[in-house]
ModelCIF file with pLDDT and N, C-alpha, C, O atoms, coordinates in Angstrom:
data_MODEL
#
_entry.id   MODEL 
#
_entity.id                         1 
_entity.type                       polymer 
_entity.pdbx_number_of_molecules   1 
#
_entity_poly.entity_id                      1 
_entity_poly.type                           'polypeptide(L)' 
_entity_poly.nstd_linkage                   no 
_entity_poly.nstd_monomer                   no 
_entity_poly.pdbx_seq_one_letter_code       PQEFSAAIKPDYQLEFEGFKVCSMLLVPLKIQG 
_entity_poly.pdbx_seq_one_letter_code_can   PQEFSAAIKPDYQLEFEGFKVCSMLLVPLKIQG 
_entity_poly.pdbx_strand_id                 A 
#
loop_
_entity_poly_seq.entity_id 
_entity_poly_seq.num 
_entity_poly_seq.mon_id 
_entity_poly_seq.hetero 
1 1  PRO n 
1 2  GLN n 
1 3  GLU n 
1 4  PHE n 
1 5  SER n 
1 6  ALA n 
1 7  ALA n 
1 8  ILE n 
1 9  LYS n 
1 10 PRO n 
1 11 ASP n 
1 12 TYR n 
1 13 GLN n 
1 14 LEU n 
1 15 GLU n 
1 16 PHE n 
1 17 GLU n 
1 18 GLY n 
1 19 PHE n 
1 20 LYS n 
1 21 VAL n 
1 22 CYS n 
1 23 SER n 
1 24 MET n 
1 25 LEU n 
1 26 LEU n 
1 27 VAL n 
1 28 PRO n 
1 29 LEU n 
1 30 LYS n 
1 31 ILE n 
1 32 GLN n 
1 33 GLY n 
#
_struct_asym.id          A 
_struct_asym.entity_id   1 
#
loop_
_ma_qa_metric.id 
_ma_qa_metric.mode 
_ma_qa_metric.name 
_ma_qa_metric.software_group_id 
_ma_qa_metric.type 
1 global pLDDT . pLDDT 
2 local  pLDDT . pLDDT 
#
_ma_qa_metric_global.metric_id      1 
_ma_qa_metric_global.metric_value   77.64 
_ma_qa_metric_global.model_id       1 
_ma_qa_metric_global.ordinal_id     1 
#
loop_
_ma_qa_metric_local.label_asym_id 
_ma_qa_metric_local.label_comp_id 
_ma_qa_metric_local.label_seq_id 
_ma_qa_metric_local.metric_id 
_ma_qa_metric_local.metric_value 
_ma_qa_metric_local.model_id 
_ma_qa_metric_local.ordinal_id 
A PRO 1  2 64.00 1 1  
A GLN 2  2 71.00 1 2  
A GLU 3  2 73.00 1 3  
A PHE 4  2 67.00 1 4  
A SER 5  2 69.00 1 5  
A ALA 6  2 74.00 1 6  
A ALA 7  2 73.00 1 7  
A ILE 8  2 74.00 1 8  
A LYS 9  2 74.00 1 9  
A PRO 10 2 78.00 1 10 
A ASP 11 2 75.00 1 11 
A TYR 12 2 72.00 1 12 
A GLN 13 2 72.00 1 13 
A LEU 14 2 72.00 1 14 
A GLU 15 2 68.00 1 15 
A PHE 16 2 68.00 1 16 
A GLU 17 2 70.00 1 17 
A GLY 18 2 69.00 1 18 
A PHE 19 2 69.00 1 19 
A LYS 20 2 72.00 1 20 
A VAL 21 2 73.00 1 21 
A CYS 22 2 75.00 1 22 
A SER 23 2 79.00 1 23 
A MET 24 2 82.00 1 24 
A LEU 25 2 88.00 1 25 
A LEU 26 2 89.00 1 26 
A VAL 27 2 93.00 1 27 
A PRO 28 2 93.00 1 28 
A LEU 29 2 95.00 1 29 
A LYS 30 2 94.00 1 30 
A ILE 31 2 93.00 1 31 
A GLN 32 2 92.00 1 32 
A GLY 33 2 92.00 1 33 
#
loop_
_atom_site.group_PDB 
_atom_site.id 
_atom_site.type_symbol 
_atom_site.label_atom_id 
_atom_site.label_alt_id 
_atom_site.label_comp_id 
_atom_site.label_asym_id 
_atom_site.label_entity_id 
_atom_site.label_seq_id 
_atom_site.pdbx_PDB_ins_code 
_atom_site.Cartn_x 
_atom_site.Cartn_y 
_atom_site.Cartn_z 
_atom_site.occupancy 
_atom_site.B_iso_or_equiv 
_atom_site.pdbx_formal_charge 
_atom_site.auth_seq_id 
_atom_site.auth_comp_id 
_atom_site.auth_asym_id 
_atom_site.auth_atom_id 
_atom_site.pdbx_PDB_model_num 
ATOM 1   N N  . PRO A 1 1  ? 63.518 66.490 227.640 1.00 64.00 ? 1  PRO A N  1 
ATOM 2   C CA . PRO A 1 1  ? 62.164 66.457 227.186 1.00 64.00 ? 1  PRO A CA 1 
ATOM 3   C C  . PRO A 1 1  ? 61.517 65.158 227.399 1.00 64.00 ? 1  PRO A C  1 
ATOM 4   O O  . PRO A 1 1  ? 60.320 65.130 227.683 1.00 64.00 ? 1  PRO A O  1 
ATOM 5   N N  . GLN A 1 2  ? 62.240 64.019 227.282 1.00 71.00 ? 2  GLN A N  1 
ATOM 6   C CA . GLN A 1 2  ? 61.638 62.686 227.520 1.00 71.00 ? 2  GLN A CA 1 
ATOM 7   C C  . GLN A 1 2  ? 61.243 62.586 229.038 1.00 71.00 ? 2  GLN A C  1 
ATOM 8   O O  . GLN A 1 2  ? 60.154 62.109 229.356 1.00 71.00 ? 2  GLN A O  1 
ATOM 9   N N  . GLU A 1 3  ? 62.078 63.011 229.906 1.00 73.00 ? 3  GLU A N  1 
ATOM 10  C CA . GLU A 1 3  ? 61.681 62.904 231.340 1.00 73.00 ? 3  GLU A CA 1 
ATOM 11  C C  . GLU A 1 3  ? 60.573 63.759 231.663 1.00 73.00 ? 3  GLU A C  1 
ATOM 12  O O  . GLU A 1 3  ? 59.692 63.353 232.420 1.00 73.00 ? 3  GLU A O  1 
ATOM 13  N N  . PHE A 1 4  ? 60.538 64.976 231.128 1.00 67.00 ? 4  PHE A N  1 
ATOM 14  C CA . PHE A 1 4  ? 59.329 65.873 231.260 1.00 67.00 ? 4  PHE A CA 1 
ATOM 15  C C  . PHE A 1 4  ? 58.081 65.231 230.864 1.00 67.00 ? 4  PHE A C  1 
ATOM 16  O O  . PHE A 1 4  ? 57.097 65.230 231.604 1.00 67.00 ? 4  PHE A O  1 
ATOM 17  N N  . SER A 1 5  ? 58.102 64.618 229.571 1.00 69.00 ? 5  SER A N  1 
ATOM 18  C CA . SER A 1 5  ? 56.969 64.070 228.949 1.00 69.00 ? 5  SER A CA 1 
ATOM 19  C C  . SER A 1 5  ? 56.435 62.822 229.885 1.00 69.00 ? 5  SER A C  1 
ATOM 20  O O  . SER A 1 5  ? 55.241 62.621 230.107 1.00 69.00 ? 5  SER A O  1 
ATOM 21  N N  . ALA A 1 6  ? 57.376 62.121 230.333 1.00 74.00 ? 6  ALA A N  1 
ATOM 22  C CA . ALA A 1 6  ? 56.978 61.005 231.189 1.00 74.00 ? 6  ALA A CA 1 
ATOM 23  C C  . ALA A 1 6  ? 56.348 61.360 232.503 1.00 74.00 ? 6  ALA A C  1 
ATOM 24  O O  . ALA A 1 6  ? 55.717 60.511 233.133 1.00 74.00 ? 6  ALA A O  1 
ATOM 25  N N  . ALA A 1 7  ? 56.509 62.666 232.965 1.00 73.00 ? 7  ALA A N  1 
ATOM 26  C CA . ALA A 1 7  ? 55.963 63.067 234.147 1.00 73.00 ? 7  ALA A CA 1 
ATOM 27  C C  . ALA A 1 7  ? 54.587 63.705 233.914 1.00 73.00 ? 7  ALA A C  1 
ATOM 28  O O  . ALA A 1 7  ? 53.897 64.020 234.884 1.00 73.00 ? 7  ALA A O  1 
ATOM 29  N N  . ILE A 1 8  ? 54.185 63.896 232.709 1.00 74.00 ? 8  ILE A N  1 
ATOM 30  C CA . ILE A 1 8  ? 52.867 64.513 232.407 1.00 74.00 ? 8  ILE A CA 1 
ATOM 31  C C  . ILE A 1 8  ? 51.789 63.483 232.479 1.00 74.00 ? 8  ILE A C  1 
ATOM 32  O O  . ILE A 1 8  ? 51.937 62.377 231.959 1.00 74.00 ? 8  ILE A O  1 
ATOM 33  N N  . LYS A 1 9  ? 50.717 63.830 233.114 1.00 74.00 ? 9  LYS A N  1 
ATOM 34  C CA . LYS A 1 9  ? 49.574 62.826 233.118 1.00 74.00 ? 9  LYS A CA 1 
ATOM 35  C C  . LYS A 1 9  ? 49.205 62.509 231.699 1.00 74.00 ? 9  LYS A C  1 
ATOM 36  O O  . LYS A 1 9  ? 49.324 63.383 230.840 1.00 74.00 ? 9  LYS A O  1 
ATOM 37  N N  . PRO A 1 10 ? 48.751 61.270 231.393 1.00 78.00 ? 10 PRO A N  1 
ATOM 38  C CA . PRO A 1 10 ? 48.412 60.863 230.105 1.00 78.00 ? 10 PRO A CA 1 
ATOM 39  C C  . PRO A 1 10 ? 47.265 61.758 229.406 1.00 78.00 ? 10 PRO A C  1 
ATOM 40  O O  . PRO A 1 10 ? 47.251 61.916 228.186 1.00 78.00 ? 10 PRO A O  1 
ATOM 41  N N  . ASP A 1 11 ? 46.324 62.320 230.246 1.00 75.00 ? 11 ASP A N  1 
ATOM 42  C CA . ASP A 1 11 ? 45.289 63.171 229.697 1.00 75.00 ? 11 ASP A CA 1 
ATOM 43  C C  . ASP A 1 11 ? 45.827 64.480 229.063 1.00 75.00 ? 11 ASP A C  1 
ATOM 44  O O  . ASP A 1 11 ? 45.178 65.128 228.243 1.00 75.00 ? 11 ASP A O  1 
ATOM 45  N N  . TYR A 1 12 ? 47.028 64.810 229.493 1.00 72.00 ? 12 TYR A N  1 
ATOM 46  C CA . TYR A 1 12 ? 47.642 66.082 229.068 1.00 72.00 ? 12 TYR A CA 1 
ATOM 47  C C  . TYR A 1 12 ? 48.792 65.910 228.121 1.00 72.00 ? 12 TYR A C  1 
ATOM 48  O O  . TYR A 1 12 ? 49.432 66.900 227.765 1.00 72.00 ? 12 TYR A O  1 
ATOM 49  N N  . GLN A 1 13 ? 49.097 64.677 227.685 1.00 72.00 ? 13 GLN A N  1 
ATOM 50  C CA . GLN A 1 13 ? 50.143 64.345 226.828 1.00 72.00 ? 13 GLN A CA 1 
ATOM 51  C C  . GLN A 1 13 ? 50.091 65.115 225.509 1.00 72.00 ? 13 GLN A C  1 
ATOM 52  O O  . GLN A 1 13 ? 51.096 65.676 225.074 1.00 72.00 ? 13 GLN A O  1 
ATOM 53  N N  . LEU A 1 14 ? 48.873 65.141 224.852 1.00 72.00 ? 14 LEU A N  1 
ATOM 54  C CA . LEU A 1 14 ? 48.696 65.762 223.591 1.00 72.00 ? 14 LEU A CA 1 
ATOM 55  C C  . LEU A 1 14 ? 48.978 67.225 223.619 1.00 72.00 ? 14 LEU A C  1 
ATOM 56  O O  . LEU A 1 14 ? 49.421 67.762 222.604 1.00 72.00 ? 14 LEU A O  1 
ATOM 57  N N  . GLU A 1 15 ? 48.749 67.930 224.732 1.00 68.00 ? 15 GLU A N  1 
ATOM 58  C CA . GLU A 1 15 ? 48.985 69.352 224.942 1.00 68.00 ? 15 GLU A CA 1 
ATOM 59  C C  . GLU A 1 15 ? 50.409 69.565 224.701 1.00 68.00 ? 15 GLU A C  1 
ATOM 60  O O  . GLU A 1 15 ? 50.761 70.585 224.108 1.00 68.00 ? 15 GLU A O  1 
ATOM 61  N N  . PHE A 1 16 ? 51.302 68.668 225.118 1.00 68.00 ? 16 PHE A N  1 
ATOM 62  C CA . PHE A 1 16 ? 52.750 68.959 225.215 1.00 68.00 ? 16 PHE A CA 1 
ATOM 63  C C  . PHE A 1 16 ? 53.496 68.264 224.021 1.00 68.00 ? 16 PHE A C  1 
ATOM 64  O O  . PHE A 1 16 ? 54.710 68.427 223.900 1.00 68.00 ? 16 PHE A O  1 
ATOM 65  N N  . GLU A 1 17 ? 52.855 67.566 223.223 1.00 70.00 ? 17 GLU A N  1 
ATOM 66  C CA . GLU A 1 17 ? 53.511 66.839 222.102 1.00 70.00 ? 17 GLU A CA 1 
ATOM 67  C C  . GLU A 1 17 ? 54.069 67.882 221.171 1.00 70.00 ? 17 GLU A C  1 
ATOM 68  O O  . GLU A 1 17 ? 53.374 68.853 220.874 1.00 70.00 ? 17 GLU A O  1 
ATOM 69  N N  . GLY A 1 18 ? 55.258 67.738 220.706 1.00 69.00 ? 18 GLY A N  1 
ATOM 70  C CA . GLY A 1 18 ? 55.857 68.573 219.850 1.00 69.00 ? 18 GLY A CA 1 
ATOM 71  C C  . GLY A 1 18 ? 56.543 69.829 220.434 1.00 69.00 ? 18 GLY A C  1 
ATOM 72  O O  . GLY A 1 18 ? 57.208 70.567 219.708 1.00 69.00 ? 18 GLY A O  1 
ATOM 73  N N  . PHE A 1 19 ? 56.382 70.056 221.711 1.00 69.00 ? 19 PHE A N  1 
ATOM 74  C CA . PHE A 1 19 ? 56.929 71.180 222.354 1.00 69.00 ? 19 PHE A CA 1 
ATOM 75  C C  . PHE A 1 19 ? 58.355 70.927 222.903 1.00 69.00 ? 19 PHE A C  1 
ATOM 76  O O  . PHE A 1 19 ? 59.145 71.858 223.059 1.00 69.00 ? 19 PHE A O  1 
ATOM 77  N N  . LYS A 1 20 ? 58.638 69.738 223.170 1.00 72.00 ? 20 LYS A N  1 
ATOM 78  C CA . LYS A 1 20 ? 60.009 69.337 223.721 1.00 72.00 ? 20 LYS A CA 1 
ATOM 79  C C  . LYS A 1 20 ? 60.323 70.151 224.985 1.00 72.00 ? 20 LYS A C  1 
ATOM 80  O O  . LYS A 1 20 ? 61.417 70.705 225.095 1.00 72.00 ? 20 LYS A O  1 
ATOM 81  N N  . VAL A 1 21 ? 59.371 70.234 225.951 1.00 73.00 ? 21 VAL A N  1 
ATOM 82  C CA . VAL A 1 21 ? 59.518 71.002 227.060 1.00 73.00 ? 21 VAL A CA 1 
ATOM 83  C C  . VAL A 1 21 ? 60.399 70.285 228.094 1.00 73.00 ? 21 VAL A C  1 
ATOM 84  O O  . VAL A 1 21 ? 60.143 69.134 228.449 1.00 73.00 ? 21 VAL A O  1 
ATOM 85  N N  . CYS A 1 22 ? 61.459 70.997 228.579 1.00 75.00 ? 22 CYS A N  1 
ATOM 86  C CA . CYS A 1 22 ? 62.356 70.399 229.514 1.00 75.00 ? 22 CYS A CA 1 
ATOM 87  C C  . CYS A 1 22 ? 62.014 70.782 231.011 1.00 75.00 ? 22 CYS A C  1 
ATOM 88  O O  . CYS A 1 22 ? 62.164 69.980 231.933 1.00 75.00 ? 22 CYS A O  1 
ATOM 89  N N  . SER A 1 23 ? 61.584 71.961 231.165 1.00 79.00 ? 23 SER A N  1 
ATOM 90  C CA . SER A 1 23 ? 61.157 72.361 232.533 1.00 79.00 ? 23 SER A CA 1 
ATOM 91  C C  . SER A 1 23 ? 59.938 73.383 232.351 1.00 79.00 ? 23 SER A C  1 
ATOM 92  O O  . SER A 1 23 ? 59.788 74.052 231.329 1.00 79.00 ? 23 SER A O  1 
ATOM 93  N N  . MET A 1 24 ? 59.097 73.428 233.445 1.00 82.00 ? 24 MET A N  1 
ATOM 94  C CA . MET A 1 24 ? 57.967 74.324 233.419 1.00 82.00 ? 24 MET A CA 1 
ATOM 95  C C  . MET A 1 24 ? 57.855 74.928 234.864 1.00 82.00 ? 24 MET A C  1 
ATOM 96  O O  . MET A 1 24 ? 58.028 74.251 235.877 1.00 82.00 ? 24 MET A O  1 
ATOM 97  N N  . LEU A 1 25 ? 57.574 76.159 234.862 1.00 88.00 ? 25 LEU A N  1 
ATOM 98  C CA . LEU A 1 25 ? 57.179 76.840 236.147 1.00 88.00 ? 25 LEU A CA 1 
ATOM 99  C C  . LEU A 1 25 ? 55.789 77.275 236.024 1.00 88.00 ? 25 LEU A C  1 
ATOM 100 O O  . LEU A 1 25 ? 55.433 77.951 235.058 1.00 88.00 ? 25 LEU A O  1 
ATOM 101 N N  . LEU A 1 26 ? 54.971 76.916 236.971 1.00 89.00 ? 26 LEU A N  1 
ATOM 102 C CA . LEU A 1 26 ? 53.590 77.203 237.187 1.00 89.00 ? 26 LEU A CA 1 
ATOM 103 C C  . LEU A 1 26 ? 53.388 78.043 238.343 1.00 89.00 ? 26 LEU A C  1 
ATOM 104 O O  . LEU A 1 26 ? 53.876 77.684 239.414 1.00 89.00 ? 26 LEU A O  1 
ATOM 105 N N  . VAL A 1 27 ? 52.659 79.231 238.255 1.00 93.00 ? 27 VAL A N  1 
ATOM 106 C CA . VAL A 1 27 ? 52.322 80.036 239.365 1.00 93.00 ? 27 VAL A CA 1 
ATOM 107 C C  . VAL A 1 27 ? 50.811 80.351 239.379 1.00 93.00 ? 27 VAL A C  1 
ATOM 108 O O  . VAL A 1 27 ? 50.227 80.538 238.312 1.00 93.00 ? 27 VAL A O  1 
ATOM 109 N N  . PRO A 1 28 ? 50.173 80.413 240.543 1.00 93.00 ? 28 PRO A N  1 
ATOM 110 C CA . PRO A 1 28 ? 48.748 80.575 240.572 1.00 93.00 ? 28 PRO A CA 1 
ATOM 111 C C  . PRO A 1 28 ? 48.340 82.049 240.254 1.00 93.00 ? 28 PRO A C  1 
ATOM 112 O O  . PRO A 1 28 ? 49.073 82.977 240.596 1.00 93.00 ? 28 PRO A O  1 
ATOM 113 N N  . LEU A 1 29 ? 47.214 82.242 239.625 1.00 95.00 ? 29 LEU A N  1 
ATOM 114 C CA . LEU A 1 29 ? 46.500 83.462 239.464 1.00 95.00 ? 29 LEU A CA 1 
ATOM 115 C C  . LEU A 1 29 ? 45.394 83.408 240.489 1.00 95.00 ? 29 LEU A C  1 
ATOM 116 O O  . LEU A 1 29 ? 44.467 82.605 240.384 1.00 95.00 ? 29 LEU A O  1 
ATOM 117 N N  . LYS A 1 30 ? 45.510 84.350 241.570 1.00 94.00 ? 30 LYS A N  1 
ATOM 118 C CA . LYS A 1 30 ? 44.601 84.322 242.690 1.00 94.00 ? 30 LYS A CA 1 
ATOM 119 C C  . LYS A 1 30 ? 43.880 85.560 242.817 1.00 94.00 ? 30 LYS A C  1 
ATOM 120 O O  . LYS A 1 30 ? 44.484 86.617 242.633 1.00 94.00 ? 30 LYS A O  1 
ATOM 121 N N  . ILE A 1 31 ? 42.542 85.550 243.139 1.00 93.00 ? 31 ILE A N  1 
ATOM 122 C CA . ILE A 1 31 ? 41.827 86.669 243.445 1.00 93.00 ? 31 ILE A CA 1 
ATOM 123 C C  . ILE A 1 31 ? 41.195 86.344 244.857 1.00 93.00 ? 31 ILE A C  1 
ATOM 124 O O  . ILE A 1 31 ? 40.480 85.360 245.046 1.00 93.00 ? 31 ILE A O  1 
ATOM 125 N N  . GLN A 1 32 ? 41.519 87.247 245.809 1.00 92.00 ? 32 GLN A N  1 
ATOM 126 C CA . GLN A 1 32 ? 41.101 87.045 247.208 1.00 92.00 ? 32 GLN A CA 1 
ATOM 127 C C  . GLN A 1 32 ? 41.353 85.672 247.670 1.00 92.00 ? 32 GLN A C  1 
ATOM 128 O O  . GLN A 1 32 ? 40.461 85.051 248.249 1.00 92.00 ? 32 GLN A O  1 
ATOM 129 N N  . GLY A 1 33 ? 42.548 85.141 247.443 1.00 92.00 ? 33 GLY A N  1 
ATOM 130 C CA . GLY A 1 33 ? 42.977 83.839 247.901 1.00 92.00 ? 33 GLY A CA 1 
ATOM 131 C C  . GLY A 1 33 ? 42.472 82.739 247.114 1.00 92.00 ? 33 GLY A C  1 
ATOM 132 O O  . GLY A 1 33 ? 42.770 81.582 247.408 1.00 92.00 ? 33 GLY A O  1 
#
């Protein structure tokens, strides 16, 4: 969680506070590319 938190941009830190996220997978939602 500490390494993940350190990798998050400061603007988004509050979004992840308290979640203790260790890994995250992000995939795009695309319409016609």
